Protein backbone atom coordinates (compact mmCIF):
# COMPACT_ATOMS: atom_id res chain seq x y z
CA UNK A 1 -0.12 -0.12 0.14
CA UNK A 2 1.17 3.42 -0.81
CA UNK A 3 2.36 5.52 2.03
CA UNK A 4 4.06 8.62 0.91
CA UNK A 5 2.01 11.39 -0.81
CA UNK A 6 3.78 10.87 -4.15
CA UNK A 7 3.16 7.21 -4.06
CA UNK A 8 -0.31 7.75 -3.51
CA UNK A 9 -0.48 10.33 -6.28
CA UNK A 10 1.23 7.83 -8.53
CA UNK A 11 -1.27 5.05 -7.38
CA UNK A 12 -4.29 7.41 -8.58
CA UNK A 13 -2.65 8.50 -11.65
CA UNK A 14 -1.88 4.64 -12.67
CA UNK A 15 -5.46 3.89 -12.05
CA UNK A 16 -6.64 6.47 -14.29
CA UNK A 17 -4.25 5.72 -16.92
CA UNK A 18 -4.96 1.82 -16.67
CA UNK A 19 -8.53 2.73 -17.22
CA UNK A 20 -8.02 4.73 -20.44
CA UNK A 21 -5.80 2.04 -21.76
CA UNK A 22 -8.39 -0.59 -21.10
CA UNK A 23 -10.81 1.46 -23.12
CA UNK A 24 -8.52 2.18 -26.14
CA UNK A 25 -7.72 -1.58 -26.22
CA UNK A 26 -11.20 -2.61 -26.50
CA UNK A 27 -11.82 0.20 -29.20
CA UNK A 28 -9.23 -1.50 -31.08
CA UNK A 29 -10.26 -4.86 -30.64
CA UNK A 30 -13.63 -3.79 -31.77
CA UNK A 31 -12.54 -2.62 -35.04
CA UNK A 32 -10.22 -5.66 -35.46
CA UNK A 33 -13.22 -8.14 -34.83
CA UNK A 34 -15.28 -6.13 -37.54
CA UNK A 35 -12.55 -6.91 -40.01
CA UNK A 36 -12.40 -10.53 -38.78
CA UNK A 37 -16.26 -11.02 -39.21
CA UNK A 38 -16.05 -9.52 -42.77
CA UNK A 39 -13.41 -11.97 -43.57
CA UNK A 40 -15.23 -14.63 -42.18
CA UNK A 41 -18.61 -13.59 -43.96
CA UNK A 42 -16.70 -13.78 -47.18
CA UNK A 43 -17.46 -10.02 -48.02
CA UNK A 44 -14.29 -8.78 -49.43
CA UNK A 45 -15.49 -5.25 -50.11
CA UNK A 46 -16.52 -4.94 -46.48
CA UNK A 47 -13.36 -6.25 -45.24
CA UNK A 48 -11.12 -4.19 -47.25
CA UNK A 49 -13.32 -1.24 -45.97
CA UNK A 50 -13.08 -2.54 -42.13
CA UNK A 51 -9.37 -2.82 -42.46
CA UNK A 52 -9.04 0.50 -43.74
CA UNK A 53 -10.85 1.90 -40.80
CA UNK A 54 -8.93 -0.28 -38.49
CA UNK A 55 -5.49 0.36 -39.43
CA UNK A 56 -5.35 4.12 -38.01
CA UNK A 57 -7.11 3.03 -34.94
CA UNK A 58 -4.33 0.59 -34.23
CA UNK A 59 -1.34 2.73 -35.06
CA UNK A 60 -3.17 5.41 -32.88
CA UNK A 61 -2.71 2.72 -30.21
CA UNK A 62 1.13 2.37 -30.90
CA UNK A 63 1.48 6.24 -30.44
CA UNK A 64 -0.66 6.07 -27.26
CA UNK A 65 1.64 3.29 -25.51
CA UNK A 66 -0.97 0.57 -25.76
CA UNK A 67 0.37 -1.77 -28.48
CA UNK A 68 4.25 -2.13 -29.46
CA UNK A 69 4.81 -1.12 -32.84
CA UNK A 70 5.86 -4.29 -34.37
CA UNK A 71 2.85 -5.85 -32.99
CA UNK A 72 0.61 -3.49 -34.62
CA UNK A 73 2.35 -3.60 -37.74
CA UNK A 74 2.29 -7.49 -37.54
CA UNK A 75 -1.53 -7.52 -36.78
CA UNK A 76 -1.87 -5.25 -39.88
CA UNK A 77 0.09 -7.18 -42.24
CA UNK A 78 -1.82 -10.54 -41.37
CA UNK A 79 -5.27 -9.03 -41.56
CA UNK A 80 -4.06 -7.27 -45.20
CA UNK A 81 -2.82 -10.55 -46.53
CA UNK A 82 -6.01 -12.22 -45.69
CA UNK A 83 -8.44 -9.74 -46.90
CA UNK A 84 -6.21 -9.81 -50.10
CA UNK A 85 -6.47 -13.57 -50.23
CA UNK A 86 -10.35 -13.00 -49.93
CA UNK A 87 -10.57 -10.50 -52.86
CA UNK A 88 -8.52 -12.74 -55.01
CA UNK A 89 -10.70 -15.92 -54.41
């Protein structure tokens, strides 16, 4: 348990930032889920559109410190290749 004033303040700040990051992560997952659902539905146009909307959200998560840059790039790359394969088929 925090004892000093500074450690109490840091605990409050951590609590607030954790809630913000949790909301950001949840929002990003929602966008990714929309892409996944479009791919599963076999709709290439909807999947491409959903991916186009999800990419900036995911990279915003990188700038805010929610995701690592390579993790976001990997997710985008894998989704893009699946969308591309769907449009070819």
